[in-house]
Amino acid sequence: MKTLTVIIIKSQLAAKSWIKSSSRADVPGWVLVVLMTTALVTGIWSIAAPKLTTILRNSLDAMGGIR
């Protein structure tokens, strides 16, 4: 158990030092990208959902007629 704790602590320290030295640690930027992507997907989905539902229902109805 003690060895596992030491490994966890060392990995956390290594991750913190890598994040501090890395230029990819722009957390606010990534949060903004995720929020904007979520907003775009939600907006597009709300516009396209009725049409997609109609297409899916028509396809399933057509498949039901094959049997």
C-alpha atoms as a PDB file:
ATOM      1  CA  MET A   1       0.000   0.000   0.000  1.00  0.00           C
ATOM      2  CA  LYS A   2       2.848   2.338   0.831  1.00  0.00           C
ATOM      3  CA  THR A   3       4.464   1.680  -2.558  1.00  0.00           C
ATOM      4  CA  LEU A   4       1.230   2.493  -4.366  1.00  0.00           C
ATOM      5  CA  THR A   5       0.948   5.783  -2.480  1.00  0.00           C
ATOM      6  CA  VAL A   6       4.510   6.713  -3.414  1.00  0.00           C
ATOM      7  CA  ILE A   7       3.850   5.905  -7.075  1.00  0.00           C
ATOM      8  CA  ILE A   8       0.685   8.015  -7.080  1.00  0.00           C
ATOM      9  CA  ILE A   9       2.433  10.976  -5.462  1.00  0.00           C
ATOM     10  CA  LYS A  10       5.376  10.768  -7.885  1.00  0.00           C
ATOM     11  CA  SER A  11       3.060  10.588 -10.888  1.00  0.00           C
ATOM     12  CA  GLN A  12       1.071  13.588  -9.655  1.00  0.00           C
ATOM     13  CA  LEU A  13       4.254  15.609  -9.183  1.00  0.00           C
ATOM     14  CA  ALA A  14       5.497  14.611 -12.631  1.00  0.00           C
ATOM     15  CA  ALA A  15       2.154  15.576 -14.189  1.00  0.00           C
ATOM     16  CA  LYS A  16       2.178  18.954 -12.439  1.00  0.00           C
ATOM     17  CA  SER A  17       5.707  19.728 -13.600  1.00  0.00           C
ATOM     18  CA  TRP A  18       4.854  18.656 -17.168  1.00  0.00           C
ATOM     19  CA  ILE A  19       1.757  20.858 -17.187  1.00  0.00           C
ATOM     20  CA  LYS A  20       3.694  23.848 -15.910  1.00  0.00           C
ATOM     21  CA  SER A  21       6.382  23.413 -18.565  1.00  0.00           C
ATOM     22  CA  SER A  22       3.978  22.591 -21.379  1.00  0.00           C
ATOM     23  CA  SER A  23       2.444  25.230 -23.584  1.00  0.00           C
ATOM     24  CA  ARG A  24      -0.588  22.965 -24.073  1.00  0.00           C
ATOM     25  CA  ALA A  25      -1.880  23.674 -20.583  1.00  0.00           C
ATOM     26  CA  ASP A  26      -4.159  26.477 -21.689  1.00  0.00           C
ATOM     27  CA  VAL A  27      -7.155  25.314 -19.658  1.00  0.00           C
ATOM     28  CA  PRO A  28      -9.405  28.334 -20.259  1.00  0.00           C
ATOM     29  CA  GLY A  29      -8.848  27.970 -23.994  1.00  0.00           C
ATOM     30  CA  TRP A  30      -9.781  24.295 -23.968  1.00  0.00           C
ATOM     31  CA  VAL A  31     -12.835  25.000 -21.840  1.00  0.00           C
ATOM     32  CA  LEU A  32     -13.917  27.649 -24.339  1.00  0.00           C
ATOM     33  CA  VAL A  33     -13.432  25.237 -27.256  1.00  0.00           C
ATOM     34  CA  VAL A  34     -15.483  22.556 -25.503  1.00  0.00           C
ATOM     35  CA  LEU A  35     -18.283  24.979 -24.633  1.00  0.00           C
ATOM     36  CA  MET A  36     -18.421  26.404 -28.153  1.00  0.00           C
ATOM     37  CA  THR A  37     -18.463  22.930 -29.693  1.00  0.00           C
ATOM     38  CA  THR A  38     -21.246  21.878 -27.340  1.00  0.00           C
ATOM     39  CA  ALA A  39     -23.255  24.964 -28.253  1.00  0.00           C
ATOM     40  CA  LEU A  40     -22.793  24.330 -31.980  1.00  0.00           C
ATOM     41  CA  VAL A  41     -23.779  20.681 -31.730  1.00  0.00           C
ATOM     42  CA  THR A  42     -26.822  21.527 -29.621  1.00  0.00           C
ATOM     43  CA  GLY A  43     -27.909  24.242 -32.041  1.00  0.00           C
ATOM     44  CA  ILE A  44     -27.447  22.100 -35.125  1.00  0.00           C
ATOM     45  CA  TRP A  45     -29.133  19.138 -33.453  1.00  0.00           C
ATOM     46  CA  SER A  46     -32.167  21.207 -32.441  1.00  0.00           C
ATOM     47  CA  ILE A  47     -32.583  22.400 -36.032  1.00  0.00           C
ATOM     48  CA  ALA A  48     -31.938  19.015 -37.664  1.00  0.00           C
ATOM     49  CA  ALA A  49     -33.716  16.723 -35.162  1.00  0.00           C
ATOM     50  CA  PRO A  50     -37.194  16.835 -36.731  1.00  0.00           C
ATOM     51  CA  LYS A  51     -35.853  16.135 -40.216  1.00  0.00           C
ATOM     52  CA  LEU A  52     -33.580  13.345 -38.958  1.00  0.00           C
ATOM     53  CA  THR A  53     -36.502  11.790 -37.093  1.00  0.00           C
ATOM     54  CA  THR A  54     -38.612  11.849 -40.260  1.00  0.00           C
ATOM     55  CA  ILE A  55     -35.817  10.272 -42.307  1.00  0.00           C
ATOM     56  CA  LEU A  56     -35.286   7.542 -39.707  1.00  0.00           C
ATOM     57  CA  ARG A  57     -39.016   6.758 -39.443  1.00  0.00           C
ATOM     58  CA  ASN A  58     -39.391   6.584 -43.220  1.00  0.00           C
ATOM     59  CA  SER A  59     -36.374   4.288 -43.478  1.00  0.00           C
ATOM     60  CA  LEU A  60     -37.647   1.981 -40.741  1.00  0.00           C
ATOM     61  CA  ASP A  61     -41.122   1.894 -42.301  1.00  0.00           C
ATOM     62  CA  ALA A  62     -39.594   1.016 -45.664  1.00  0.00           C
ATOM     63  CA  MET A  63     -37.569  -1.778 -44.048  1.00  0.00           C
ATOM     64  CA  GLY A  64     -40.725  -3.125 -42.412  1.00  0.00           C
ATOM     65  CA  GLY A  65     -42.326  -3.490 -45.847  1.00  0.00           C
ATOM     66  CA  ILE A  66     -39.482  -5.736 -47.057  1.00  0.00           C
ATOM     67  CA  ARG A  67     -40.509  -8.686 -44.913  1.00  0.00           C
END
